[in-house]
Amino acid sequence: MPTSIPKPLVLTNQWFIVASVLVAWIANQPATLFIPLVVGLISLFFKKNVVIELAKPFLKKPFNEYPQEDVAQQQFNQWIAVICQAVALVGAYSGITAVYFIFSGMVATAAFVAILGFCVGCFIRFQWQQYRYRRSQKSA
């Protein structure tokens, strides 16, 4: 399994998430979020992201000539996205529209902010790793 993913492929997946939420909101069809949810679940459990696999042939240069993103970090980010999408869908189908809009909005905002250059999931993971390291140092 590769340890990195070309950044254009990661950006494609982020745009897919943003677009899916916007389509769900504009069309007033929460079911649209099942598509990125299923893609995310496939990515997590089978280590193959359908969106990234579909986008690969469009890269013009060899993969190693693009800026790279860490696979482990992307898997962490995918977990966050899947959880938010699942909670959003539970909210939508249980009649709690605020939960639907908050959680789908969070995943779309995080993906869009990542497109702009700041990875919320990366920040969360870094803080978690720092916490675990500090805790291990206290017990050593």
N, C-alpha and C. Protein backbone atom coordinates (compact mmCIF):
# COMPACT_ATOMS: atom_id res chain seq x y z
N MET A 1 0.84 -1.19 0.00
CA MET A 1 0.00 0.00 0.00
C MET A 1 0.88 1.24 0.00
N PRO A 2 0.59 2.21 -0.87
CA PRO A 2 1.42 3.42 -0.90
C PRO A 2 1.27 4.20 0.40
N THR A 3 2.31 4.97 0.71
CA THR A 3 2.27 5.78 1.93
C THR A 3 1.84 7.22 1.65
N SER A 4 1.68 7.54 0.37
CA SER A 4 1.25 8.89 0.02
C SER A 4 0.32 8.87 -1.19
N ILE A 5 -0.40 9.97 -1.33
CA ILE A 5 -1.37 10.14 -2.42
C ILE A 5 -1.07 11.48 -3.08
N PRO A 6 -1.02 11.55 -4.40
CA PRO A 6 -0.82 12.84 -5.05
C PRO A 6 -1.90 13.85 -4.63
N LYS A 7 -1.46 15.05 -4.32
CA LYS A 7 -2.38 16.08 -3.82
C LYS A 7 -3.56 16.35 -4.75
N PRO A 8 -3.39 16.37 -6.08
CA PRO A 8 -4.56 16.60 -6.94
C PRO A 8 -5.68 15.57 -6.72
N LEU A 9 -5.31 14.34 -6.39
CA LEU A 9 -6.32 13.32 -6.13
C LEU A 9 -7.05 13.58 -4.82
N VAL A 10 -6.31 14.04 -3.82
CA VAL A 10 -6.92 14.39 -2.53
C VAL A 10 -7.88 15.58 -2.73
N LEU A 11 -7.44 16.55 -3.51
CA LEU A 11 -8.30 17.72 -3.79
C LEU A 11 -9.57 17.31 -4.53
N THR A 12 -9.46 16.36 -5.43
CA THR A 12 -10.64 15.86 -6.15
C THR A 12 -11.63 15.27 -5.17
N ASN A 13 -11.16 14.49 -4.22
CA ASN A 13 -12.04 13.90 -3.22
C ASN A 13 -12.67 14.99 -2.34
N GLN A 14 -11.92 16.01 -2.00
CA GLN A 14 -12.45 17.10 -1.18
C GLN A 14 -13.54 17.87 -1.95
N TRP A 15 -13.29 18.13 -3.23
CA TRP A 15 -14.31 18.82 -4.04
C TRP A 15 -15.56 17.95 -4.16
N PHE A 16 -15.38 16.65 -4.28
CA PHE A 16 -16.51 15.71 -4.35
C PHE A 16 -17.38 15.82 -3.10
N ILE A 17 -16.76 15.90 -1.94
CA ILE A 17 -17.50 16.04 -0.69
C ILE A 17 -18.24 17.36 -0.65
N VAL A 18 -17.56 18.45 -0.97
CA VAL A 18 -18.20 19.77 -0.98
C VAL A 18 -19.37 19.78 -1.95
N ALA A 19 -19.16 19.29 -3.16
CA ALA A 19 -20.22 19.28 -4.18
C ALA A 19 -21.40 18.42 -3.74
N SER A 20 -21.13 17.30 -3.11
CA SER A 20 -22.21 16.42 -2.65
C SER A 20 -23.10 17.11 -1.63
N VAL A 21 -22.49 17.80 -0.69
CA VAL A 21 -23.27 18.52 0.32
C VAL A 21 -24.07 19.65 -0.32
N LEU A 22 -23.44 20.38 -1.23
CA LEU A 22 -24.16 21.48 -1.89
C LEU A 22 -25.34 20.95 -2.70
N VAL A 23 -25.15 19.86 -3.41
CA VAL A 23 -26.25 19.26 -4.18
C VAL A 23 -27.35 18.81 -3.24
N ALA A 24 -26.98 18.18 -2.13
CA ALA A 24 -27.98 17.72 -1.15
C ALA A 24 -28.79 18.90 -0.62
N TRP A 25 -28.12 20.00 -0.33
CA TRP A 25 -28.82 21.18 0.20
C TRP A 25 -29.68 21.84 -0.86
N ILE A 26 -29.10 22.09 -2.04
CA ILE A 26 -29.82 22.81 -3.09
C ILE A 26 -31.02 22.01 -3.58
N ALA A 27 -30.84 20.72 -3.77
CA ALA A 27 -31.92 19.87 -4.27
C ALA A 27 -32.86 19.42 -3.14
N ASN A 28 -32.50 19.77 -1.92
CA ASN A 28 -33.27 19.35 -0.74
C ASN A 28 -33.42 17.82 -0.73
N GLN A 29 -32.30 17.15 -1.00
CA GLN A 29 -32.27 15.69 -1.06
C GLN A 29 -31.15 15.16 -0.17
N PRO A 30 -31.40 15.00 1.11
CA PRO A 30 -30.35 14.48 2.00
C PRO A 30 -29.78 13.14 1.54
N ALA A 31 -30.57 12.35 0.82
CA ALA A 31 -30.11 11.03 0.35
C ALA A 31 -28.85 11.15 -0.50
N THR A 32 -28.61 12.31 -1.08
CA THR A 32 -27.40 12.54 -1.87
C THR A 32 -26.15 12.24 -1.04
N LEU A 33 -26.24 12.46 0.27
CA LEU A 33 -25.07 12.23 1.12
C LEU A 33 -24.73 10.75 1.27
N PHE A 34 -25.64 9.86 0.86
CA PHE A 34 -25.30 8.45 0.89
C PHE A 34 -24.16 8.13 -0.08
N ILE A 35 -24.04 8.91 -1.15
CA ILE A 35 -22.99 8.65 -2.14
C ILE A 35 -21.60 8.87 -1.53
N PRO A 36 -21.30 10.06 -0.98
CA PRO A 36 -19.96 10.20 -0.37
C PRO A 36 -19.79 9.32 0.87
N LEU A 37 -20.88 9.01 1.56
CA LEU A 37 -20.79 8.12 2.72
C LEU A 37 -20.33 6.73 2.28
N VAL A 38 -20.93 6.19 1.24
CA VAL A 38 -20.56 4.87 0.74
C VAL A 38 -19.13 4.89 0.19
N VAL A 39 -18.79 5.94 -0.55
CA VAL A 39 -17.42 6.08 -1.06
C VAL A 39 -16.43 6.10 0.10
N GLY A 40 -16.76 6.85 1.15
CA GLY A 40 -15.89 6.92 2.32
C GLY A 40 -15.76 5.60 3.03
N LEU A 41 -16.86 4.87 3.17
CA LEU A 41 -16.82 3.57 3.83
C LEU A 41 -15.98 2.56 3.02
N ILE A 42 -16.15 2.59 1.70
CA ILE A 42 -15.33 1.73 0.84
C ILE A 42 -13.85 2.08 1.02
N SER A 43 -13.56 3.37 1.06
CA SER A 43 -12.19 3.84 1.24
C SER A 43 -11.60 3.35 2.55
N LEU A 44 -12.38 3.42 3.61
CA LEU A 44 -11.88 3.03 4.93
C LEU A 44 -11.69 1.52 5.05
N PHE A 45 -12.62 0.76 4.54
CA PHE A 45 -12.58 -0.68 4.75
C PHE A 45 -11.83 -1.46 3.67
N PHE A 46 -11.77 -0.91 2.46
CA PHE A 46 -11.08 -1.61 1.38
C PHE A 46 -9.83 -0.88 0.90
N LYS A 47 -9.55 0.26 1.52
CA LYS A 47 -8.35 1.06 1.20
C LYS A 47 -8.29 1.49 -0.26
N LYS A 48 -9.46 1.66 -0.86
CA LYS A 48 -9.57 2.15 -2.24
C LYS A 48 -10.67 3.19 -2.29
N ASN A 49 -10.31 4.42 -2.60
CA ASN A 49 -11.29 5.49 -2.72
C ASN A 49 -11.75 5.54 -4.18
N VAL A 50 -13.03 5.33 -4.39
CA VAL A 50 -13.59 5.26 -5.75
C VAL A 50 -13.35 6.57 -6.51
N VAL A 51 -13.53 7.69 -5.85
CA VAL A 51 -13.32 9.00 -6.50
C VAL A 51 -11.87 9.15 -6.93
N ILE A 52 -10.96 8.79 -6.04
CA ILE A 52 -9.53 8.89 -6.37
C ILE A 52 -9.18 7.93 -7.50
N GLU A 53 -9.71 6.72 -7.46
CA GLU A 53 -9.43 5.75 -8.53
C GLU A 53 -9.94 6.26 -9.88
N LEU A 54 -11.12 6.90 -9.88
CA LEU A 54 -11.66 7.44 -11.13
C LEU A 54 -10.86 8.63 -11.64
N ALA A 55 -10.25 9.38 -10.72
CA ALA A 55 -9.49 10.57 -11.11
C ALA A 55 -8.05 10.27 -11.54
N LYS A 56 -7.51 9.14 -11.14
CA LYS A 56 -6.11 8.80 -11.44
C LYS A 56 -5.74 8.94 -12.92
N PRO A 57 -6.55 8.43 -13.85
CA PRO A 57 -6.16 8.52 -15.26
C PRO A 57 -6.01 9.95 -15.79
N PHE A 58 -6.56 10.92 -15.06
CA PHE A 58 -6.50 12.30 -15.52
C PHE A 58 -5.20 13.01 -15.13
N LEU A 59 -4.39 12.39 -14.29
CA LEU A 59 -3.10 12.98 -13.94
C LEU A 59 -2.16 12.84 -15.12
N LYS A 60 -1.51 13.92 -15.47
CA LYS A 60 -0.66 13.92 -16.66
C LYS A 60 0.78 13.51 -16.37
N LYS A 61 1.23 13.76 -15.14
CA LYS A 61 2.61 13.43 -14.77
C LYS A 61 2.62 12.15 -13.93
N PRO A 62 3.79 11.54 -13.77
CA PRO A 62 3.89 10.41 -12.84
C PRO A 62 3.50 10.86 -11.43
N PHE A 63 2.92 9.95 -10.66
CA PHE A 63 2.40 10.29 -9.33
C PHE A 63 3.45 10.96 -8.45
N ASN A 64 4.70 10.50 -8.52
CA ASN A 64 5.72 11.03 -7.62
C ASN A 64 6.15 12.46 -7.97
N GLU A 65 5.69 13.01 -9.06
CA GLU A 65 6.03 14.38 -9.44
C GLU A 65 5.05 15.41 -8.88
N TYR A 66 4.02 14.94 -8.20
CA TYR A 66 3.04 15.83 -7.57
C TYR A 66 3.35 15.96 -6.08
N PRO A 67 2.95 17.07 -5.47
CA PRO A 67 3.04 17.13 -4.00
C PRO A 67 2.23 15.96 -3.42
N GLN A 68 2.70 15.40 -2.33
CA GLN A 68 2.10 14.20 -1.77
C GLN A 68 1.38 14.48 -0.45
N GLU A 69 0.34 13.69 -0.20
CA GLU A 69 -0.40 13.73 1.06
C GLU A 69 -0.25 12.36 1.72
N ASP A 70 -0.14 12.36 3.04
CA ASP A 70 0.05 11.13 3.80
C ASP A 70 -1.22 10.29 3.81
N VAL A 71 -1.10 9.00 3.48
CA VAL A 71 -2.25 8.10 3.45
C VAL A 71 -2.89 7.97 4.82
N ALA A 72 -2.08 7.81 5.87
CA ALA A 72 -2.64 7.66 7.22
C ALA A 72 -3.44 8.91 7.62
N GLN A 73 -2.94 10.07 7.26
CA GLN A 73 -3.67 11.30 7.56
C GLN A 73 -4.99 11.35 6.78
N GLN A 74 -4.95 10.93 5.53
CA GLN A 74 -6.16 10.94 4.72
C GLN A 74 -7.19 9.94 5.24
N GLN A 75 -6.73 8.82 5.74
CA GLN A 75 -7.64 7.85 6.34
C GLN A 75 -8.30 8.44 7.60
N PHE A 76 -7.52 9.14 8.40
CA PHE A 76 -8.06 9.81 9.59
C PHE A 76 -9.13 10.83 9.16
N ASN A 77 -8.80 11.63 8.16
CA ASN A 77 -9.75 12.63 7.67
C ASN A 77 -11.02 11.96 7.13
N GLN A 78 -10.83 10.82 6.47
CA GLN A 78 -11.99 10.10 5.91
C GLN A 78 -12.90 9.61 7.02
N TRP A 79 -12.32 9.16 8.15
CA TRP A 79 -13.13 8.75 9.30
C TRP A 79 -13.99 9.91 9.79
N ILE A 80 -13.39 11.08 9.89
CA ILE A 80 -14.14 12.26 10.35
C ILE A 80 -15.28 12.55 9.38
N ALA A 81 -14.99 12.53 8.08
CA ALA A 81 -16.01 12.81 7.07
C ALA A 81 -17.15 11.80 7.13
N VAL A 82 -16.81 10.52 7.24
CA VAL A 82 -17.82 9.46 7.28
C VAL A 82 -18.71 9.63 8.52
N ILE A 83 -18.10 9.89 9.65
CA ILE A 83 -18.88 10.07 10.88
C ILE A 83 -19.82 11.26 10.75
N CYS A 84 -19.30 12.38 10.25
CA CYS A 84 -20.15 13.57 10.08
C CYS A 84 -21.29 13.33 9.09
N GLN A 85 -21.00 12.65 7.99
CA GLN A 85 -22.04 12.36 7.01
C GLN A 85 -23.09 11.42 7.58
N ALA A 86 -22.65 10.42 8.33
CA ALA A 86 -23.60 9.48 8.94
C ALA A 86 -24.49 10.18 9.95
N VAL A 87 -23.90 11.03 10.79
CA VAL A 87 -24.70 11.77 11.77
C VAL A 87 -25.66 12.71 11.06
N ALA A 88 -25.21 13.34 9.99
CA ALA A 88 -26.08 14.24 9.21
C ALA A 88 -27.27 13.47 8.66
N LEU A 89 -27.03 12.29 8.11
CA LEU A 89 -28.12 11.50 7.56
C LEU A 89 -29.07 11.01 8.65
N VAL A 90 -28.55 10.63 9.79
CA VAL A 90 -29.41 10.25 10.92
C VAL A 90 -30.29 11.44 11.30
N GLY A 91 -29.71 12.61 11.36
CA GLY A 91 -30.47 13.82 11.67
C GLY A 91 -31.56 14.08 10.64
N ALA A 92 -31.20 13.96 9.36
CA ALA A 92 -32.16 14.21 8.29
C ALA A 92 -33.34 13.25 8.35
N TYR A 93 -33.05 11.97 8.55
CA TYR A 93 -34.11 10.97 8.51
C TYR A 93 -34.84 10.77 9.83
N SER A 94 -34.34 11.40 10.88
CA SER A 94 -35.07 11.36 12.15
C SER A 94 -35.81 12.67 12.39
N GLY A 95 -35.76 13.56 11.41
CA GLY A 95 -36.50 14.80 11.50
C GLY A 95 -35.80 15.91 12.27
N ILE A 96 -34.54 15.70 12.61
CA ILE A 96 -33.79 16.73 13.34
C ILE A 96 -32.93 17.47 12.31
N THR A 97 -33.56 18.39 11.60
CA THR A 97 -32.88 19.06 10.49
C THR A 97 -31.66 19.86 10.92
N ALA A 98 -31.67 20.36 12.15
CA ALA A 98 -30.50 21.12 12.63
C ALA A 98 -29.27 20.22 12.63
N VAL A 99 -29.42 18.98 13.07
CA VAL A 99 -28.29 18.04 13.08
C VAL A 99 -27.83 17.78 11.64
N TYR A 100 -28.78 17.60 10.74
CA TYR A 100 -28.46 17.38 9.33
C TYR A 100 -27.62 18.54 8.79
N PHE A 101 -28.08 19.76 8.99
CA PHE A 101 -27.37 20.91 8.44
C PHE A 101 -26.04 21.17 9.14
N ILE A 102 -26.00 20.98 10.44
CA ILE A 102 -24.75 21.22 11.18
C ILE A 102 -23.67 20.23 10.76
N PHE A 103 -23.99 18.94 10.76
CA PHE A 103 -22.96 17.94 10.46
C PHE A 103 -22.60 17.89 8.98
N SER A 104 -23.56 18.05 8.09
CA SER A 104 -23.20 18.09 6.67
C SER A 104 -22.43 19.39 6.38
N GLY A 105 -22.81 20.46 7.05
CA GLY A 105 -22.09 21.72 6.90
C GLY A 105 -20.67 21.64 7.43
N MET A 106 -20.49 20.92 8.54
CA MET A 106 -19.14 20.76 9.10
C MET A 106 -18.23 20.01 8.13
N VAL A 107 -18.73 18.93 7.55
CA VAL A 107 -17.89 18.15 6.64
C VAL A 107 -17.59 18.95 5.37
N ALA A 108 -18.57 19.68 4.86
CA ALA A 108 -18.33 20.50 3.66
C ALA A 108 -17.37 21.64 3.96
N THR A 109 -17.54 22.27 5.11
CA THR A 109 -16.65 23.37 5.49
C THR A 109 -15.22 22.87 5.69
N ALA A 110 -15.07 21.75 6.39
CA ALA A 110 -13.73 21.20 6.60
C ALA A 110 -13.06 20.85 5.28
N ALA A 111 -13.82 20.25 4.36
CA ALA A 111 -13.26 19.91 3.04
C ALA A 111 -12.88 21.17 2.27
N PHE A 112 -13.74 22.19 2.32
CA PHE A 112 -13.45 23.42 1.58
C PHE A 112 -12.26 24.16 2.19
N VAL A 113 -12.18 24.21 3.50
CA VAL A 113 -11.04 24.85 4.17
C VAL A 113 -9.76 24.10 3.82
N ALA A 114 -9.83 22.77 3.72
CA ALA A 114 -8.65 21.98 3.32
C ALA A 114 -8.24 22.31 1.89
N ILE A 115 -9.22 22.50 1.03
CA ILE A 115 -8.92 22.91 -0.35
C ILE A 115 -8.16 24.23 -0.35
N LEU A 116 -8.56 25.12 0.56
CA LEU A 116 -7.90 26.43 0.67
C LEU A 116 -6.53 26.35 1.33
N GLY A 117 -6.22 25.22 1.98
CA GLY A 117 -4.87 25.05 2.51
C GLY A 117 -4.73 24.71 3.98
N PHE A 118 -5.81 24.74 4.75
CA PHE A 118 -5.70 24.38 6.17
C PHE A 118 -6.52 23.13 6.42
N CYS A 119 -5.86 22.08 6.85
CA CYS A 119 -6.52 20.80 7.08
C CYS A 119 -6.94 20.69 8.54
N VAL A 120 -8.25 20.77 8.78
CA VAL A 120 -8.80 20.67 10.13
C VAL A 120 -8.49 19.29 10.71
N GLY A 121 -8.69 18.24 9.92
CA GLY A 121 -8.41 16.89 10.39
C GLY A 121 -6.94 16.71 10.74
N CYS A 122 -6.05 17.33 9.97
CA CYS A 122 -4.61 17.25 10.26
C CYS A 122 -4.32 17.91 11.61
N PHE A 123 -4.94 19.04 11.86
CA PHE A 123 -4.76 19.74 13.12
C PHE A 123 -5.26 18.88 14.28
N ILE A 124 -6.44 18.29 14.12
CA ILE A 124 -7.00 17.44 15.18
C ILE A 124 -6.08 16.24 15.43
N ARG A 125 -5.63 15.60 14.37
CA ARG A 125 -4.76 14.43 14.53
C ARG A 125 -3.44 14.81 15.18
N PHE A 126 -2.87 15.93 14.77
CA PHE A 126 -1.62 16.39 15.37
C PHE A 126 -1.79 16.63 16.87
N GLN A 127 -2.88 17.30 17.25
CA GLN A 127 -3.13 17.56 18.67
C GLN A 127 -3.31 16.25 19.43
N TRP A 128 -4.01 15.28 18.85
CA TRP A 128 -4.20 13.98 19.48
C TRP A 128 -2.86 13.27 19.67
N GLN A 129 -2.01 13.31 18.64
CA GLN A 129 -0.70 12.67 18.75
C GLN A 129 0.16 13.35 19.81
N GLN A 130 0.08 14.67 19.88
CA GLN A 130 0.82 15.41 20.91
C GLN A 130 0.33 15.04 22.30
N TYR A 131 -0.96 14.94 22.47
CA TYR A 131 -1.55 14.55 23.76
C TYR A 131 -1.06 13.16 24.16
N ARG A 132 -1.11 12.22 23.23
CA ARG A 132 -0.66 10.85 23.53
C ARG A 132 0.82 10.82 23.86
N TYR A 133 1.62 11.60 23.17
CA TYR A 133 3.05 11.65 23.44
C TYR A 133 3.31 12.23 24.84
N ARG A 134 2.67 13.35 25.15
CA ARG A 134 2.85 13.96 26.48
C ARG A 134 2.43 13.01 27.59
N ARG A 135 1.33 12.31 27.38
CA ARG A 135 0.84 11.35 28.37
C ARG A 135 1.83 10.20 28.55
N SER A 136 2.41 9.74 27.45
CA SER A 136 3.39 8.64 27.54
C SER A 136 4.67 9.09 28.25
N GLN A 137 5.01 10.37 28.11
CA GLN A 137 6.20 10.90 28.77
C GLN A 137 6.01 11.03 30.27
N LYS A 138 4.79 11.33 30.69
CA LYS A 138 4.49 11.44 32.12
C LYS A 138 4.53 10.09 32.81
N SER A 139 4.13 9.04 32.09
CA SER A 139 4.11 7.72 32.70
C SER A 139 5.45 6.99 32.59
N ALA A 140 6.39 7.56 31.85
CA ALA A 140 7.69 6.90 31.67
C ALA A 140 8.66 7.23 32.77
